[in-house]
Protein backbone atom coordinates (compact mmCIF):
# COMPACT_ATOMS: atom_id res chain seq x y z
CA UNK A 1 190.13 147.93 214.37
CA UNK A 2 186.91 149.35 212.91
CA UNK A 3 186.53 146.31 210.65
CA UNK A 4 186.94 144.01 213.66
CA UNK A 5 184.31 145.90 215.67
CA UNK A 6 181.89 145.78 212.73
CA UNK A 7 182.36 142.03 212.44
CA UNK A 8 181.79 141.47 216.16
CA UNK A 9 178.60 143.55 216.23
CA UNK A 10 177.15 141.97 213.07
CA UNK A 11 174.07 139.93 214.10
CA UNK A 12 174.33 136.15 213.54
CA UNK A 13 172.51 134.70 210.58
CA UNK A 14 169.10 133.24 211.35
CA UNK A 15 168.45 129.48 211.20
CA UNK A 16 164.84 128.50 210.43
CA UNK A 17 163.68 124.88 210.92
CA UNK A 18 160.46 123.85 209.19
CA UNK A 19 158.77 120.82 207.63
CA UNK A 20 159.96 119.54 204.28
CA UNK A 21 157.91 120.65 201.27
CA UNK A 22 158.48 118.33 198.31
CA UNK A 23 157.74 120.83 195.56
CA UNK A 24 159.86 123.52 197.19
CA UNK A 25 162.69 121.54 198.80
CA UNK A 26 163.32 118.29 196.92
CA UNK A 27 166.07 119.59 194.62
CA UNK A 28 167.71 121.62 197.41
CA UNK A 29 167.81 118.62 199.80
CA UNK A 30 169.29 116.35 197.12
CA UNK A 31 171.97 118.94 196.35
CA UNK A 32 172.72 119.48 200.05
CA UNK A 33 173.14 115.75 200.69
CA UNK A 34 175.53 115.53 197.73
CA UNK A 35 177.63 118.25 199.36
CA UNK A 36 177.69 116.13 202.50
CA UNK A 37 179.09 113.24 200.47
CA UNK A 38 181.79 115.45 198.97
CA UNK A 39 182.82 116.40 202.49
CA UNK A 40 183.53 112.73 203.26
CA UNK A 41 186.11 112.25 200.53
CA UNK A 42 189.76 111.53 201.22
CA UNK A 43 189.25 108.00 202.52
CA UNK A 44 187.17 104.98 201.43
CA UNK A 45 183.55 105.45 202.45
CA UNK A 46 180.12 104.04 201.70
CA UNK A 47 177.85 106.63 200.11
CA UNK A 48 174.07 106.31 200.33
CA UNK A 49 171.89 107.34 197.40
CA UNK A 50 168.21 107.58 198.29
CA UNK A 51 165.89 106.30 195.58
CA UNK A 52 162.73 108.13 194.60
CA UNK A 53 162.12 111.07 196.93
CA UNK A 54 164.07 112.33 199.97
CA UNK A 55 161.33 111.16 202.32
CA UNK A 56 161.34 107.57 201.04
CA UNK A 57 163.18 106.13 204.06
CA UNK A 58 160.33 107.01 206.43
CA UNK A 59 157.25 106.82 204.24
CA UNK A 60 156.60 103.22 205.41
CA UNK A 61 155.78 104.50 208.91
CA UNK A 62 152.24 105.75 209.48
CA UNK A 63 153.50 108.70 211.57
CA UNK A 64 156.57 110.41 210.15
CA UNK A 65 158.08 113.81 209.40
CA UNK A 66 161.05 115.38 207.66
CA UNK A 67 162.49 118.73 208.74
CA UNK A 68 164.86 121.05 206.89
CA UNK A 69 167.03 123.89 208.20
CA UNK A 70 167.36 127.14 206.24
CA UNK A 71 170.28 129.48 206.83
CA UNK A 72 170.72 133.21 206.26
CA UNK A 73 168.82 135.72 204.19
CA UNK A 74 169.17 133.55 201.08
CA UNK A 75 167.20 130.78 202.92
CA UNK A 76 169.55 128.07 201.69
CA UNK A 77 168.73 124.52 202.84
CA UNK A 78 171.78 123.43 204.86
CA UNK A 79 170.43 120.64 207.06
CA UNK A 80 167.86 117.87 207.20
CA UNK A 81 166.57 115.29 209.68
CA UNK A 82 163.93 112.59 209.51
CA UNK A 83 161.86 110.95 212.22
CA UNK A 84 158.95 108.64 212.89
CA UNK A 85 156.87 107.45 215.84
CA UNK A 86 155.87 103.83 216.45
CA UNK A 87 154.90 101.47 219.26
CA UNK A 88 157.40 98.78 220.28
CA UNK A 89 158.07 96.35 223.11
CA UNK A 90 160.48 97.21 225.91
CA UNK A 91 160.47 93.62 227.20
CA UNK A 92 158.04 91.43 229.18
CA UNK A 93 155.26 92.08 226.64
CA UNK A 94 155.21 95.77 227.61
CA UNK A 95 154.63 98.26 224.81
CA UNK A 96 155.85 101.85 224.69
CA UNK A 97 155.59 104.62 222.10
CA UNK A 98 159.00 105.65 220.74
CA UNK A 99 160.40 108.00 218.13
CA UNK A 100 163.21 107.00 215.81
CA UNK A 101 165.55 109.74 214.56
CA UNK A 102 167.52 109.15 211.39
CA UNK A 103 169.06 110.84 208.39
CA UNK A 104 170.55 113.85 210.21
CA UNK A 105 172.70 115.78 207.74
CA UNK A 106 174.30 119.23 207.90
CA UNK A 107 176.21 120.71 204.97
CA UNK A 108 179.99 120.65 205.72
CA UNK A 109 180.33 124.40 205.18
CA UNK A 110 177.68 125.12 207.85
CA UNK A 111 178.72 122.77 210.64
CA UNK A 112 179.61 123.90 214.18
CA UNK A 113 176.85 126.53 214.02
CA UNK A 114 174.34 124.62 216.14
CA UNK A 115 172.21 123.64 213.16
CA UNK A 116 172.25 119.91 213.96
CA UNK A 117 171.17 120.64 217.54
CA UNK A 118 168.30 122.84 216.36
CA UNK A 119 167.09 120.15 213.97
CA UNK A 120 167.09 117.49 216.69
CA UNK A 121 165.34 119.78 219.19
CA UNK A 122 162.58 120.70 216.74
CA UNK A 123 162.14 117.03 215.81
CA UNK A 124 161.88 116.07 219.49
CA UNK A 125 159.06 118.57 219.98
CA UNK A 126 157.22 117.03 217.05
CA UNK A 127 157.77 113.55 218.52
CA UNK A 128 156.35 114.59 221.90
CA UNK A 129 153.31 116.14 220.25
CA UNK A 130 152.72 112.78 218.56
CA UNK A 131 152.80 110.87 221.85
CA UNK A 132 156.36 109.53 221.94
CA UNK A 133 157.65 108.66 225.42
CA UNK A 134 161.20 107.96 224.23
CA UNK A 135 163.40 108.84 221.26
CA UNK A 136 166.32 106.80 219.99
CA UNK A 137 168.89 106.94 217.23
CA UNK A 138 171.59 104.66 215.80
CA UNK A 139 175.09 105.53 214.67
CA UNK A 140 178.49 103.98 214.07
CA UNK A 141 180.32 103.69 217.40
CA UNK A 142 183.26 105.56 215.81
CA UNK A 143 181.14 108.53 214.71
CA UNK A 144 182.26 110.88 217.48
CA UNK A 145 180.58 114.07 216.12
CA UNK A 146 177.18 112.36 216.03
CA UNK A 147 177.67 110.72 219.44
CA UNK A 148 178.75 114.02 221.03
CA UNK A 149 175.81 115.88 219.52
CA UNK A 150 173.25 113.48 220.94
CA UNK A 151 174.86 112.57 224.28
CA UNK A 152 176.42 115.92 225.26
CA UNK A 153 174.12 118.49 223.67
CA UNK A 154 170.79 116.65 223.52
CA UNK A 155 171.00 114.52 226.70
CA UNK A 156 170.77 111.07 225.11
CA UNK A 157 172.26 108.05 226.88
CA UNK A 158 174.21 105.23 225.29
CA UNK A 159 171.77 102.34 225.37
CA UNK A 160 172.34 99.23 223.26
CA UNK A 161 175.17 98.04 221.00
CA UNK A 162 173.81 95.52 218.45
CA UNK A 163 176.09 93.90 215.91
CA UNK A 164 175.81 94.53 212.16
CA UNK A 165 176.67 91.39 210.16
CA UNK A 166 177.36 91.72 206.42
CA UNK A 167 177.66 88.89 203.89
CA UNK A 168 178.65 89.72 200.27
CA UNK A 169 176.56 88.13 197.53
CA UNK A 170 178.85 85.85 195.53
CA UNK A 171 178.66 84.93 191.86
CA UNK A 172 177.98 81.29 192.81
CA UNK A 173 174.98 79.76 194.56
CA UNK A 174 175.38 78.45 198.06
CA UNK A 175 174.54 74.76 198.49
CA UNK A 176 171.43 73.89 200.49
CA UNK A 177 171.24 70.68 202.57
CA UNK A 178 167.99 69.58 200.92
CA UNK A 179 168.28 66.01 202.23
CA UNK A 180 167.93 67.16 205.87
CA UNK A 181 166.17 70.51 205.70
CA UNK A 182 162.80 71.75 204.52
CA UNK A 183 162.43 75.49 203.79
CA UNK A 184 158.88 76.79 203.49
CA UNK A 185 157.42 80.25 202.82
CA UNK A 186 154.98 81.44 205.45
CA UNK A 187 151.83 83.44 204.72
CA UNK A 188 151.95 86.86 206.41
CA UNK A 189 149.17 86.03 208.87
CA UNK A 190 150.97 82.94 210.17
CA UNK A 191 154.33 84.75 210.22
CA UNK A 192 152.72 87.47 212.34
CA UNK A 193 151.42 84.92 214.84
CA UNK A 194 154.84 83.29 215.17
CA UNK A 195 156.65 86.60 215.53
CA UNK A 196 154.27 87.90 218.18
CA UNK A 197 154.86 84.68 220.13
CA UNK A 198 158.66 84.45 219.93
CA UNK A 199 159.47 88.17 220.26
CA UNK A 200 156.96 89.05 223.00
CA UNK A 201 159.73 89.52 225.60
CA UNK A 202 162.27 91.16 223.31
CA UNK A 203 163.05 94.86 222.92
CA UNK A 204 161.91 97.07 220.02
CA UNK A 205 159.47 94.55 218.50
CA UNK A 206 157.00 96.73 216.53
CA UNK A 207 153.32 96.49 217.33
CA UNK A 208 152.52 97.01 213.63
CA UNK A 209 154.50 93.94 212.53
CA UNK A 210 151.62 93.13 210.19
CA UNK A 211 152.38 96.32 208.23
CA UNK A 212 155.97 95.16 207.76
CA UNK A 213 155.11 91.62 206.67
CA UNK A 214 152.57 92.80 204.08
CA UNK A 215 154.75 95.63 202.75
CA UNK A 216 155.83 95.29 199.12
CA UNK A 217 159.48 95.56 200.20
CA UNK A 218 159.15 92.43 202.34
CA UNK A 219 160.05 89.58 200.01
CA UNK A 220 158.71 86.91 202.31
CA UNK A 221 159.08 85.09 205.61
CA UNK A 222 160.64 81.63 205.56
CA UNK A 223 160.87 78.83 208.08
CA UNK A 224 163.44 76.00 208.04
CA UNK A 225 162.49 72.66 209.54
CA UNK A 226 163.88 69.14 209.73
CA UNK A 227 162.76 67.16 206.69
CA UNK A 228 160.34 64.95 208.65
CA UNK A 229 158.61 67.80 210.49
CA UNK A 230 154.80 67.77 210.39
CA UNK A 231 154.40 71.53 210.92
CA UNK A 232 151.48 72.98 208.93
CA UNK A 233 151.83 76.37 207.24
CA UNK A 234 148.08 76.91 207.00
CA UNK A 235 146.50 76.65 210.46
CA UNK A 236 142.74 76.40 210.58
CA UNK A 237 142.47 79.47 212.81
CA UNK A 238 144.42 82.56 213.77
CA UNK A 239 144.48 81.94 217.52
CA UNK A 240 147.99 82.51 218.85
CA UNK A 241 147.24 80.37 221.90
CA UNK A 242 146.50 77.34 219.72
CA UNK A 243 149.56 77.72 217.50
CA UNK A 244 151.88 74.73 217.94
CA UNK A 245 155.46 75.49 216.96
CA UNK A 246 157.83 72.62 216.09
CA UNK A 247 160.47 71.68 218.68
CA UNK A 248 163.28 72.82 216.41
CA UNK A 249 163.12 75.43 213.65
CA UNK A 250 164.61 78.67 212.31
CA UNK A 251 162.78 81.66 210.85
CA UNK A 252 163.64 84.93 209.11
CA UNK A 253 162.17 87.54 206.78
CA UNK A 254 163.82 89.26 203.81
CA UNK A 255 163.44 93.02 203.22
CA UNK A 256 164.50 94.55 199.90
CA UNK A 257 166.09 97.99 200.33
CA UNK A 258 166.90 98.44 196.63
CA UNK A 259 163.87 100.66 196.00
CA UNK A 260 164.67 102.81 199.05
CA UNK A 261 168.41 103.43 198.76
CA UNK A 262 171.56 102.12 197.13
CA UNK A 263 175.14 102.09 198.37
CA UNK A 264 178.44 102.73 196.64
CA UNK A 265 182.02 102.49 197.86
CA UNK A 266 184.10 105.52 196.93
CA UNK A 267 187.72 106.41 197.53
CA UNK A 268 189.24 102.90 197.30
CA UNK A 269 192.71 102.42 195.82
CA UNK A 270 193.27 101.00 192.29
CA UNK A 271 194.87 97.92 193.88
CA UNK A 272 191.75 97.23 195.92
CA UNK A 273 189.58 97.73 192.86
CA UNK A 274 191.68 95.25 190.83
CA UNK A 275 191.73 92.67 193.60
CA UNK A 276 187.93 92.74 193.98
CA UNK A 277 187.48 92.43 190.20
CA UNK A 278 189.81 89.43 190.20
CA UNK A 279 187.75 87.61 192.82
CA UNK A 280 184.60 88.08 190.74
CA UNK A 281 186.29 86.83 187.56
CA UNK A 282 187.56 83.70 189.29
CA UNK A 283 184.17 83.01 190.88
CA UNK A 284 182.34 83.51 187.58
CA UNK A 285 184.60 81.18 185.56
CA UNK A 286 185.02 78.51 188.26
CA UNK A 287 181.77 78.64 190.28
CA UNK A 288 182.19 75.06 191.57
CA UNK A 289 185.14 76.25 193.67
CA UNK A 290 182.77 78.45 195.70
CA UNK A 291 185.45 81.12 195.87
CA UNK A 292 184.32 83.96 198.20
CA UNK A 293 184.12 86.74 195.62
CA UNK A 294 183.37 90.39 196.33
CA UNK A 295 180.56 92.01 194.29
CA UNK A 296 181.14 95.25 192.42
CA UNK A 297 180.65 97.62 195.34
CA UNK A 298 182.28 100.44 193.35
CA UNK A 299 179.02 100.84 191.43
CA UNK A 300 175.67 101.38 193.11
CA UNK A 301 174.32 98.19 194.65
CA UNK A 302 171.32 97.16 196.68
CA UNK A 303 171.05 95.25 199.93
CA UNK A 304 168.74 92.62 201.36
CA UNK A 305 168.11 93.15 205.07
CA UNK A 306 167.36 90.01 207.09
CA UNK A 307 165.03 90.61 210.05
CA UNK A 308 163.04 88.53 212.48
CA UNK A 309 165.85 85.99 212.80
CA UNK A 310 165.15 83.35 215.43
CA UNK A 311 166.07 79.71 216.04
CA UNK A 312 165.07 77.05 218.53
CA UNK A 313 165.92 73.44 219.31
CA UNK A 314 168.94 71.21 218.85
CA UNK A 315 169.06 71.75 215.07
CA UNK A 316 168.35 75.48 215.20
CA UNK A 317 171.89 76.56 214.33
CA UNK A 318 172.06 74.34 211.25
CA UNK A 319 168.61 75.43 210.15
CA UNK A 320 169.49 79.12 210.50
CA UNK A 321 172.59 78.67 208.34
CA UNK A 322 170.42 76.97 205.72
CA UNK A 323 167.97 79.88 205.77
CA UNK A 324 170.79 82.39 205.32
CA UNK A 325 172.11 80.38 202.35
CA UNK A 326 168.58 80.37 200.91
CA UNK A 327 168.38 84.17 201.28
CA UNK A 328 171.82 84.49 199.65
CA UNK A 329 170.60 82.57 196.61
CA UNK A 330 167.54 84.83 196.40
CA UNK A 331 169.89 87.83 196.32
CA UNK A 332 172.13 86.06 193.78
CA UNK A 333 169.16 85.96 191.39
CA UNK A 334 168.41 89.65 191.92
CA UNK A 335 170.71 91.70 189.70
CA UNK A 336 172.34 94.54 191.56
CA UNK A 337 171.98 93.08 195.05
CA UNK A 338 175.47 93.14 196.51
CA UNK A 339 175.08 92.09 200.14
CA UNK A 340 172.94 90.56 202.87
CA UNK A 341 172.80 92.50 206.14
CA UNK A 342 171.48 91.43 209.53
CA UNK A 343 171.58 93.29 212.83
CA UNK A 344 171.19 91.43 216.10
CA UNK A 345 171.88 91.99 219.78
CA UNK A 346 175.40 91.21 220.94
CA UNK A 347 174.20 88.33 223.15
CA UNK A 348 171.51 86.97 220.83
CA UNK A 349 172.21 83.23 220.23
CA UNK A 350 171.09 83.57 216.61
CA UNK A 351 174.25 85.53 215.89
CA UNK A 352 176.27 82.29 215.65
CA UNK A 353 174.09 81.07 212.78
CA UNK A 354 174.48 84.11 210.52
CA UNK A 355 177.34 83.84 207.97
CA UNK A 356 179.25 87.11 207.57
CA UNK A 357 182.60 88.67 206.75
CA UNK A 358 184.14 90.33 209.77
CA UNK A 359 186.01 92.89 207.64
CA UNK A 360 182.69 94.20 206.30
CA UNK A 361 180.75 93.98 209.59
CA UNK A 362 180.41 96.29 212.59
CA UNK A 363 181.05 94.77 216.02
CA UNK A 364 179.07 97.57 217.69
CA UNK A 365 176.35 99.76 216.21
CA UNK A 366 175.61 102.28 218.97
CA UNK A 367 172.00 103.07 219.86
CA UNK A 368 171.34 106.11 222.06
CA UNK A 369 168.03 106.83 223.81
CA UNK A 370 166.29 109.65 225.65
CA UNK A 371 163.16 109.73 227.78
CA UNK A 372 160.69 112.58 227.41
CA UNK A 373 159.66 113.45 230.95
CA UNK A 374 155.88 113.75 231.43
CA UNK A 375 154.27 115.49 234.40
CA UNK A 376 153.61 112.16 236.18
CA UNK A 377 157.10 110.76 235.59
CA UNK A 378 158.24 108.00 237.97
CA UNK A 379 162.04 107.51 237.98
CA UNK A 380 161.66 103.81 238.90
CA UNK A 381 159.88 103.15 235.61
CA UNK A 382 162.60 104.29 233.25
CA UNK A 383 163.59 102.12 230.29
CA UNK A 384 166.81 104.09 229.87
CA UNK A 385 168.30 103.00 233.19
CA UNK A 386 166.72 99.54 233.44
CA UNK A 387 168.56 96.33 232.70
CA UNK A 388 167.78 94.66 229.37
CA UNK A 389 164.69 92.51 229.79
CA UNK A 390 165.91 90.14 227.08
CA UNK A 391 169.14 89.41 225.15
CA UNK A 392 167.12 89.86 221.95
CA UNK A 393 166.54 93.10 220.02
CA UNK A 394 164.16 93.13 217.07
CA UNK A 395 165.63 95.46 214.46
CA UNK A 396 162.86 97.03 212.38
CA UNK A 397 163.83 96.82 208.68
CA UNK A 398 162.27 100.24 208.14
CA UNK A 399 164.94 101.67 210.47
CA UNK A 400 167.79 100.37 208.34
């Protein structure tokens, strides 16, 4: 009985949340995230390995932070969360300042202690201090612990459910219909003009799109046109009002995530491993068959993220498929790139033009959102409860 009383009166261990310090915390965060991966074993799962430093996923945002949670007298790092603040559209050419929360991790041995909640709450305070009116996060719709944390403990609302489309990179090249289609690279300035025009009424289009298009990770923006189109890629001025878009076209940009993170499938059965290896061998020896092989996802591989996908006109669907084949061939020439990924709104027409494997894709990627209530809050002007202003969501490649 005395031992039980002593245990009940023992004060709980203190959790301290503070900003990440690279020199002090880098090794501890890397070790903690490895322990999180170990906790996921027992079934096949994709493991993410951040490249460079732990803050690399958010360093491309001008306003960003990374917080760590320390536990107990030994001050062990047991949790981490990352966040950034940016300005995006909420539809009808209206801009709003939002925070994006990502990379929440808590060591398996220290879960159910409220550490994840503390991390999110401290990050929200930082977001408000930096002017954010809303905060949002994305998670797999089957990730119940994450959904419960945000919706039940942190008052987030389920908001949007975009679709994640994944296409493996095969050993063969995909044929391009060169006789009917012209694919041209766009200079960043012209790509910016086009994007600001076509995504003005969408949701989550970033105001700093120019920073994305000129980033070293952006491998280019490409437009597909009918062969006889007279569209000029070098307009004489940068006036958006004078920009004449062709009646039918497709456009997309390619973002290289290989220098940010790599993925690896762990926990698959030997039979699955052998079957995937067999598809690659057949595709390599008989490439003219265009056999749909599966890259070696059991070793670390990179991903190309396709963003800014849009199509118009009667040939738009065909042109978009040609652009996706073009991007596939770019990835085919980049050793270690195992897949193309695109994320679009469920009702976005461009979805029909994106080749993908349903077994590798996610039908619903859940986004949750929360409004920070200012003193002059008007309930009628609430993005959370409003109907979508557009069927289109622009997915920022820096969020992926």
